[in-house]
């Protein structure tokens, strides 16, 4: 019989964080290429900033759950500069 790993709360949070990170980078590419993203014809900087802030908020919540405090602080500018 095969054992299946049941994802814990930490695993689910990590998966959600990875999805949000991918969404930020996809939105960044759409913004730079002036292409459509989700339901917007062209992504504005304010839209991109809001998507990045959602990721940052989720990252802070994950760090608080996992470590009890925020260990790595992220700004929108730093997040958008990476990669």
PDB file of N, CA and C in Angstrom:
ATOM      1  N   UNK A   1       0.842  -1.167   0.000  1.00  0.00           N
ATOM      2  CA  UNK A   1       0.000   0.000   0.000  1.00  0.00           C
ATOM      3  C   UNK A   1       0.894   1.239   0.000  1.00  0.00           C
ATOM      4  N   UNK A   2       0.563   2.208  -0.817  1.00  0.00           N
ATOM      5  CA  UNK A   2       1.367   3.427  -0.875  1.00  0.00           C
ATOM      6  C   UNK A   2       0.866   4.427   0.146  1.00  0.00           C
ATOM      7  N   UNK A   3       1.816   5.103   0.736  1.00  0.00           N
ATOM      8  CA  UNK A   3       1.461   6.129   1.704  1.00  0.00           C
ATOM      9  C   UNK A   3       1.415   7.476   0.993  1.00  0.00           C
ATOM     10  N   UNK A   4       0.328   8.164   1.179  1.00  0.00           N
ATOM     11  CA  UNK A   4       0.195   9.488   0.592  1.00  0.00           C
ATOM     12  C   UNK A   4       0.406  10.514   1.683  1.00  0.00           C
ATOM     13  N   UNK A   5       1.201  11.491   1.364  1.00  0.00           N
ATOM     14  CA  UNK A   5       1.452  12.549   2.337  1.00  0.00           C
ATOM     15  C   UNK A   5       0.267  13.508   2.332  1.00  0.00           C
ATOM     16  N   UNK A   6      -0.297  13.704   3.484  1.00  0.00           N
ATOM     17  CA  UNK A   6      -1.399  14.653   3.616  1.00  0.00           C
ATOM     18  C   UNK A   6      -0.780  16.016   3.870  1.00  0.00           C
ATOM     19  N   UNK A   7      -1.079  16.971   3.006  1.00  0.00           N
ATOM     20  CA  UNK A   7      -0.453  18.279   3.182  1.00  0.00           C
ATOM     21  C   UNK A   7      -0.919  18.950   4.472  1.00  0.00           C
ATOM     22  N   UNK A   8       0.038  19.467   5.209  1.00  0.00           N
ATOM     23  CA  UNK A   8      -0.274  20.191   6.427  1.00  0.00           C
ATOM     24  C   UNK A   8      -0.576  21.643   6.111  1.00  0.00           C
ATOM     25  N   UNK A   9      -0.906  22.382   7.126  1.00  0.00           N
ATOM     26  CA  UNK A   9      -1.233  23.801   6.936  1.00  0.00           C
ATOM     27  C   UNK A   9      -0.037  24.566   6.385  1.00  0.00           C
ATOM     28  N   UNK A  10       1.164  24.220   6.829  1.00  0.00           N
ATOM     29  CA  UNK A  10       2.367  24.897   6.341  1.00  0.00           C
ATOM     30  C   UNK A  10       2.611  24.640   4.870  1.00  0.00           C
ATOM     31  N   UNK A  11       2.336  23.402   4.434  1.00  0.00           N
ATOM     32  CA  UNK A  11       2.517  23.058   3.021  1.00  0.00           C
ATOM     33  C   UNK A  11       1.535  23.816   2.142  1.00  0.00           C
ATOM     34  N   UNK A  12       0.300  23.920   2.601  1.00  0.00           N
ATOM     35  CA  UNK A  12      -0.719  24.638   1.838  1.00  0.00           C
ATOM     36  C   UNK A  12      -0.363  26.113   1.754  1.00  0.00           C
ATOM     37  N   UNK A  13       0.111  26.684   2.862  1.00  0.00           N
ATOM     38  CA  UNK A  13       0.522  28.088   2.862  1.00  0.00           C
ATOM     39  C   UNK A  13       1.682  28.311   1.901  1.00  0.00           C
ATOM     40  N   UNK A  14       2.631  27.378   1.862  1.00  0.00           N
ATOM     41  CA  UNK A  14       3.780  27.498   0.971  1.00  0.00           C
ATOM     42  C   UNK A  14       3.339  27.421  -0.488  1.00  0.00           C
ATOM     43  N   UNK A  15       2.398  26.549  -0.792  1.00  0.00           N
ATOM     44  CA  UNK A  15       1.889  26.427  -2.162  1.00  0.00           C
ATOM     45  C   UNK A  15       1.190  27.713  -2.572  1.00  0.00           C
ATOM     46  N   UNK A  16       0.366  28.263  -1.687  1.00  0.00           N
ATOM     47  CA  UNK A  16      -0.314  29.525  -1.983  1.00  0.00           C
ATOM     48  C   UNK A  16       0.684  30.655  -2.183  1.00  0.00           C
ATOM     49  N   UNK A  17       1.732  30.675  -1.382  1.00  0.00           N
ATOM     50  CA  UNK A  17       2.767  31.699  -1.516  1.00  0.00           C
ATOM     51  C   UNK A  17       3.490  31.559  -2.855  1.00  0.00           C
ATOM     52  N   UNK A  18       3.767  30.337  -3.262  1.00  0.00           N
ATOM     53  CA  UNK A  18       4.407  30.104  -4.562  1.00  0.00           C
ATOM     54  C   UNK A  18       3.515  30.568  -5.710  1.00  0.00           C
ATOM     55  N   UNK A  19       2.206  30.320  -5.590  1.00  0.00           N
ATOM     56  CA  UNK A  19       1.268  30.773  -6.622  1.00  0.00           C
ATOM     57  C   UNK A  19       1.234  32.293  -6.701  1.00  0.00           C
ATOM     58  N   UNK A  20       1.234  32.948  -5.548  1.00  0.00           N
ATOM     59  CA  UNK A  20       1.223  34.411  -5.539  1.00  0.00           C
ATOM     60  C   UNK A  20       2.521  34.978  -6.112  1.00  0.00           C
ATOM     61  N   UNK A  21       3.649  34.318  -5.813  1.00  0.00           N
ATOM     62  CA  UNK A  21       4.941  34.765  -6.358  1.00  0.00           C
ATOM     63  C   UNK A  21       4.934  34.651  -7.882  1.00  0.00           C
ATOM     64  N   UNK A  22       4.409  33.550  -8.392  1.00  0.00           N
ATOM     65  CA  UNK A  22       4.320  33.363  -9.848  1.00  0.00           C
ATOM     66  C   UNK A  22       3.400  34.407 -10.464  1.00  0.00           C
ATOM     67  N   UNK A  23       2.320  34.741  -9.763  1.00  0.00           N
ATOM     68  CA  UNK A  23       1.386  35.759 -10.248  1.00  0.00           C
ATOM     69  C   UNK A  23       2.066  37.126 -10.329  1.00  0.00           C
ATOM     70  N   UNK A  24       2.894  37.442  -9.336  1.00  0.00           N
ATOM     71  CA  UNK A  24       3.618  38.721  -9.346  1.00  0.00           C
ATOM     72  C   UNK A  24       4.536  38.788 -10.553  1.00  0.00           C
ATOM     73  N   UNK A  25       5.285  37.728 -10.807  1.00  0.00           N
ATOM     74  CA  UNK A  25       6.227  37.753 -11.920  1.00  0.00           C
ATOM     75  C   UNK A  25       5.503  37.762 -13.269  1.00  0.00           C
ATOM     76  N   UNK A  26       4.371  37.081 -13.360  1.00  0.00           N
ATOM     77  CA  UNK A  26       3.577  37.119 -14.599  1.00  0.00           C
ATOM     78  C   UNK A  26       3.017  38.523 -14.824  1.00  0.00           C
ATOM     79  N   UNK A  27       2.556  39.155 -13.744  1.00  0.00           N
ATOM     80  CA  UNK A  27       2.036  40.519 -13.853  1.00  0.00           C
ATOM     81  C   UNK A  27       3.148  41.493 -14.233  1.00  0.00           C
ATOM     82  N   UNK A  28       4.334  41.268 -13.701  1.00  0.00           N
ATOM     83  CA  UNK A  28       5.477  42.131 -14.033  1.00  0.00           C
ATOM     84  C   UNK A  28       5.801  42.042 -15.528  1.00  0.00           C
ATOM     85  N   UNK A  29       5.808  40.843 -16.066  1.00  0.00           N
ATOM     86  CA  UNK A  29       6.079  40.655 -17.488  1.00  0.00           C
ATOM     87  C   UNK A  29       4.981  41.309 -18.323  1.00  0.00           C
ATOM     88  N   UNK A  30       3.727  41.125 -17.910  1.00  0.00           N
ATOM     89  CA  UNK A  30       2.607  41.744 -18.639  1.00  0.00           C
ATOM     90  C   UNK A  30       2.717  43.267 -18.598  1.00  0.00           C
ATOM     91  N   UNK A  31       3.120  43.817 -17.471  1.00  0.00           N
ATOM     92  CA  UNK A  31       3.278  45.269 -17.339  1.00  0.00           C
ATOM     93  C   UNK A  31       4.393  45.771 -18.258  1.00  0.00           C
ATOM     94  N   UNK A  32       5.519  45.076 -18.258  1.00  0.00           N
ATOM     95  CA  UNK A  32       6.652  45.502 -19.081  1.00  0.00           C
ATOM     96  C   UNK A  32       6.365  45.382 -20.579  1.00  0.00           C
ATOM     97  N   UNK A  33       5.575  44.381 -20.954  1.00  0.00           N
ATOM     98  CA  UNK A  33       5.246  44.175 -22.367  1.00  0.00           C
ATOM     99  C   UNK A  33       3.983  44.910 -22.803  1.00  0.00           C
ATOM    100  N   UNK A  34       3.362  45.609 -21.865  1.00  0.00           N
ATOM    101  CA  UNK A  34       2.116  46.338 -22.144  1.00  0.00           C
ATOM    102  C   UNK A  34       1.045  45.408 -22.723  1.00  0.00           C
ATOM    103  N   UNK A  35       0.989  44.198 -22.188  1.00  0.00           N
ATOM    104  CA  UNK A  35       0.000  43.231 -22.660  1.00  0.00           C
ATOM    105  C   UNK A  35      -1.108  43.066 -21.629  1.00  0.00           C
ATOM    106  N   UNK A  36      -2.116  42.300 -21.976  1.00  0.00           N
ATOM    107  CA  UNK A  36      -3.255  42.119 -21.074  1.00  0.00           C
ATOM    108  C   UNK A  36      -2.889  41.152 -19.951  1.00  0.00           C
ATOM    109  N   UNK A  37      -3.583  41.327 -18.850  1.00  0.00           N
ATOM    110  CA  UNK A  37      -3.384  40.458 -17.691  1.00  0.00           C
ATOM    111  C   UNK A  37      -4.715  40.342 -16.980  1.00  0.00           C
ATOM    112  N   UNK A  38      -5.139  39.130 -16.722  1.00  0.00           N
ATOM    113  CA  UNK A  38      -6.468  38.854 -16.151  1.00  0.00           C
ATOM    114  C   UNK A  38      -7.533  39.520 -17.014  1.00  0.00           C
ATOM    115  N   UNK A  39      -8.302  40.411 -16.445  1.00  0.00           N
ATOM    116  CA  UNK A  39      -9.379  41.049 -17.206  1.00  0.00           C
ATOM    117  C   UNK A  39      -9.014  42.459 -17.668  1.00  0.00           C
ATOM    118  N   UNK A  40      -7.790  42.883 -17.431  1.00  0.00           N
ATOM    119  CA  UNK A  40      -7.350  44.224 -17.812  1.00  0.00           C
ATOM    120  C   UNK A  40      -6.690  44.186 -19.187  1.00  0.00           C
ATOM    121  N   UNK A  41      -7.010  45.176 -19.992  1.00  0.00           N
ATOM    122  CA  UNK A  41      -6.410  45.254 -21.324  1.00  0.00           C
ATOM    123  C   UNK A  41      -4.922  45.565 -21.217  1.00  0.00           C
ATOM    124  N   UNK A  42      -4.590  46.499 -20.339  1.00  0.00           N
ATOM    125  CA  UNK A  42      -3.200  46.846 -20.084  1.00  0.00           C
ATOM    126  C   UNK A  42      -3.043  47.071 -18.588  1.00  0.00           C
ATOM    127  N   UNK A  43      -2.022  46.496 -18.014  1.00  0.00           N
ATOM    128  CA  UNK A  43      -1.797  46.564 -16.584  1.00  0.00           C
ATOM    129  C   UNK A  43      -1.129  47.890 -16.228  1.00  0.00           C
ATOM    130  N   UNK A  44      -1.692  48.608 -15.273  1.00  0.00           N
ATOM    131  CA  UNK A  44      -1.071  49.859 -14.818  1.00  0.00           C
ATOM    132  C   UNK A  44      -0.119  49.546 -13.668  1.00  0.00           C
ATOM    133  N   UNK A  45       0.710  50.522 -13.334  1.00  0.00           N
ATOM    134  CA  UNK A  45       1.642  50.326 -12.222  1.00  0.00           C
ATOM    135  C   UNK A  45       0.887  50.122 -10.917  1.00  0.00           C
ATOM    136  N   UNK A  46      -0.222  50.816 -10.730  1.00  0.00           N
ATOM    137  CA  UNK A  46      -1.018  50.667  -9.508  1.00  0.00           C
ATOM    138  C   UNK A  46      -1.554  49.242  -9.377  1.00  0.00           C
ATOM    139  N   UNK A  47      -1.968  48.647 -10.490  1.00  0.00           N
ATOM    140  CA  UNK A  47      -2.432  47.261 -10.475  1.00  0.00           C
ATOM    141  C   UNK A  47      -1.290  46.319 -10.109  1.00  0.00           C
ATOM    142  N   UNK A  48      -0.138  46.547 -10.708  1.00  0.00           N
ATOM    143  CA  UNK A  48       1.042  45.737 -10.425  1.00  0.00           C
ATOM    144  C   UNK A  48       1.446  45.866  -8.961  1.00  0.00           C
ATOM    145  N   UNK A  49       1.398  47.072  -8.452  1.00  0.00           N
ATOM    146  CA  UNK A  49       1.744  47.325  -7.057  1.00  0.00           C
ATOM    147  C   UNK A  49       0.777  46.594  -6.120  1.00  0.00           C
ATOM    148  N   UNK A  50      -0.512  46.590  -6.442  1.00  0.00           N
ATOM    149  CA  UNK A  50      -1.502  45.900  -5.616  1.00  0.00           C
ATOM    150  C   UNK A  50      -1.255  44.390  -5.599  1.00  0.00           C
ATOM    151  N   UNK A  51      -0.893  43.829  -6.738  1.00  0.00           N
ATOM    152  CA  UNK A  51      -0.593  42.399  -6.822  1.00  0.00           C
ATOM    153  C   UNK A  51       0.638  42.080  -5.979  1.00  0.00           C
ATOM    154  N   UNK A  52       1.652  42.924  -6.050  1.00  0.00           N
ATOM    155  CA  UNK A  52       2.873  42.733  -5.254  1.00  0.00           C
ATOM    156  C   UNK A  52       2.570  42.855  -3.763  1.00  0.00           C
ATOM    157  N   UNK A  53       1.715  43.787  -3.386  1.00  0.00           N
ATOM    158  CA  UNK A  53       1.365  43.962  -1.974  1.00  0.00           C
ATOM    159  C   UNK A  53       0.591  42.762  -1.439  1.00  0.00           C
ATOM    160  N   UNK A  54      -0.216  42.128  -2.279  1.00  0.00           N
ATOM    161  CA  UNK A  54      -0.911  40.901  -1.869  1.00  0.00           C
ATOM    162  C   UNK A  54       0.104  39.812  -1.544  1.00  0.00           C
ATOM    163  N   UNK A  55       1.126  39.675  -2.388  1.00  0.00           N
ATOM    164  CA  UNK A  55       2.172  38.679  -2.134  1.00  0.00           C
ATOM    165  C   UNK A  55       2.921  39.000  -0.851  1.00  0.00           C
ATOM    166  N   UNK A  56       3.270  40.256  -0.647  1.00  0.00           N
ATOM    167  CA  UNK A  56       4.013  40.664   0.549  1.00  0.00           C
ATOM    168  C   UNK A  56       3.189  40.370   1.799  1.00  0.00           C
ATOM    169  N   UNK A  57       1.906  40.705   1.760  1.00  0.00           N
ATOM    170  CA  UNK A  57       1.026  40.444   2.898  1.00  0.00           C
ATOM    171  C   UNK A  57       0.978  38.946   3.220  1.00  0.00           C
ATOM    172  N   UNK A  58       0.838  38.118   2.195  1.00  0.00           N
ATOM    173  CA  UNK A  58       0.801  36.668   2.391  1.00  0.00           C
ATOM    174  C   UNK A  58       2.136  36.148   2.914  1.00  0.00           C
ATOM    175  N   UNK A  59       3.221  36.715   2.437  1.00  0.00           N
ATOM    176  CA  UNK A  59       4.552  36.323   2.895  1.00  0.00           C
ATOM    177  C   UNK A  59       4.731  36.639   4.370  1.00  0.00           C
ATOM    178  N   UNK A  60       4.286  37.796   4.783  1.00  0.00           N
ATOM    179  CA  UNK A  60       4.390  38.172   6.192  1.00  0.00           C
ATOM    180  C   UNK A  60       3.547  37.244   7.073  1.00  0.00           C
ATOM    181  N   UNK A  61       2.347  36.902   6.629  1.00  0.00           N
ATOM    182  CA  UNK A  61       1.494  35.988   7.392  1.00  0.00           C
ATOM    183  C   UNK A  61       2.150  34.607   7.508  1.00  0.00           C
ATOM    184  N   UNK A  62       2.733  34.139   6.415  1.00  0.00           N
ATOM    185  CA  UNK A  62       3.415  32.847   6.421  1.00  0.00           C
ATOM    186  C   UNK A  62       4.595  32.862   7.390  1.00  0.00           C
ATOM    187  N   UNK A  63       5.386  33.924   7.354  1.00  0.00           N
ATOM    188  CA  UNK A  63       6.529  34.015   8.251  1.00  0.00           C
ATOM    189  C   UNK A  63       6.094  34.061   9.714  1.00  0.00           C
ATOM    190  N   UNK A  64       5.015  34.776   9.993  1.00  0.00           N
ATOM    191  CA  UNK A  64       4.522  34.839  11.370  1.00  0.00           C
ATOM    192  C   UNK A  64       4.074  33.465  11.857  1.00  0.00           C
ATOM    193  N   UNK A  65       3.397  32.706  10.982  1.00  0.00           N
ATOM    194  CA  UNK A  65       2.955  31.367  11.362  1.00  0.00           C
ATOM    195  C   UNK A  65       4.133  30.427  11.570  1.00  0.00           C
ATOM    196  N   UNK A  66       5.095  30.517  10.661  1.00  0.00           N
ATOM    197  CA  UNK A  66       6.201  29.568  10.701  1.00  0.00           C
ATOM    198  C   UNK A  66       7.265  29.918  11.743  1.00  0.00           C
ATOM    199  N   UNK A  67       7.640  31.188  11.846  1.00  0.00           N
ATOM    200  CA  UNK A  67       8.738  31.583  12.718  1.00  0.00           C
ATOM    201  C   UNK A  67       8.303  32.379  13.945  1.00  0.00           C
ATOM    202  N   UNK A  68       7.066  32.824  13.961  1.00  0.00           N
ATOM    203  CA  UNK A  68       6.594  33.618  15.085  1.00  0.00           C
ATOM    204  C   UNK A  68       6.843  35.103  14.928  1.00  0.00           C
ATOM    205  N   UNK A  69       7.612  35.460  13.925  1.00  0.00           N
ATOM    206  CA  UNK A  69       7.869  36.872  13.636  1.00  0.00           C
ATOM    207  C   UNK A  69       8.257  37.006  12.165  1.00  0.00           C
ATOM    208  N   UNK A  70       8.274  38.229  11.698  1.00  0.00           N
ATOM    209  CA  UNK A  70       8.674  38.485  10.312  1.00  0.00           C
ATOM    210  C   UNK A  70      10.190  38.559  10.272  1.00  0.00           C
ATOM    211  N   UNK A  71      10.806  37.655   9.511  1.00  0.00           N
ATOM    212  CA  UNK A  71      12.263  37.598   9.444  1.00  0.00           C
ATOM    213  C   UNK A  71      12.817  38.334   8.234  1.00  0.00           C
ATOM    214  N   UNK A  72      12.078  38.340   7.138  1.00  0.00           N
ATOM    215  CA  UNK A  72      12.542  38.995   5.917  1.00  0.00           C
ATOM    216  C   UNK A  72      11.495  40.013   5.491  1.00  0.00           C
ATOM    217  N   UNK A  73      11.870  41.272   5.488  1.00  0.00           N
ATOM    218  CA  UNK A  73      10.965  42.336   5.059  1.00  0.00           C
ATOM    219  C   UNK A  73      11.177  42.579   3.572  1.00  0.00           C
ATOM    220  N   UNK A  74      10.062  42.737   2.857  1.00  0.00           N
ATOM    221  CA  UNK A  74      10.098  42.921   1.412  1.00  0.00           C
ATOM    222  C   UNK A  74       9.382  44.222   1.077  1.00  0.00           C
ATOM    223  N   UNK A  75       9.954  44.980   0.171  1.00  0.00           N
ATOM    224  CA  UNK A  75       9.261  46.164  -0.332  1.00  0.00           C
ATOM    225  C   UNK A  75       8.814  45.867  -1.768  1.00  0.00           C
ATOM    226  N   UNK A  76       7.865  46.636  -2.235  1.00  0.00           N
ATOM    227  CA  UNK A  76       7.379  46.464  -3.607  1.00  0.00           C
ATOM    228  C   UNK A  76       8.538  46.670  -4.586  1.00  0.00           C
ATOM    229  N   UNK A  77       9.338  47.695  -4.343  1.00  0.00           N
ATOM    230  CA  UNK A  77      10.453  47.990  -5.248  1.00  0.00           C
ATOM    231  C   UNK A  77      11.445  46.829  -5.316  1.00  0.00           C
ATOM    232  N   UNK A  78      11.801  46.249  -4.168  1.00  0.00           N
ATOM    233  CA  UNK A  78      12.726  45.133  -4.156  1.00  0.00           C
ATOM    234  C   UNK A  78      12.132  43.922  -4.874  1.00  0.00           C
ATOM    235  N   UNK A  79      10.863  43.683  -4.642  1.00  0.00           N
ATOM    236  CA  UNK A  79      10.206  42.542  -5.260  1.00  0.00           C
ATOM    237  C   UNK A  79      10.168  42.679  -6.777  1.00  0.00           C
ATOM    238  N   UNK A  80       9.888  43.864  -7.258  1.00  0.00           N
ATOM    239  CA  UNK A  80       9.793  44.078  -8.702  1.00  0.00           C
ATOM    240  C   UNK A  80      11.163  44.133  -9.368  1.00  0.00           C
ATOM    241  N   UNK A  81      12.209  44.457  -8.626  1.00  0.00           N
ATOM    242  CA  UNK A  81      13.554  44.468  -9.192  1.00  0.00           C
ATOM    243  C   UNK A  81      14.115  43.084  -9.362  1.00  0.00           C
ATOM    244  N   UNK A  82      13.698  42.144  -8.505  1.00  0.00           N
ATOM    245  CA  UNK A  82      14.285  40.808  -8.554  1.00  0.00           C
ATOM    246  C   UNK A  82      13.876  40.095  -9.835  1.00  0.00           C
ATOM    247  N   UNK A  83      14.808  39.382 -10.389  1.00  0.00           N
ATOM    248  CA  UNK A  83      14.674  38.600 -11.613  1.00  0.00           C
ATOM    249  C   UNK A  83      14.064  39.413 -12.686  1.00  0.00           C
TER     250      UNK A  83
END
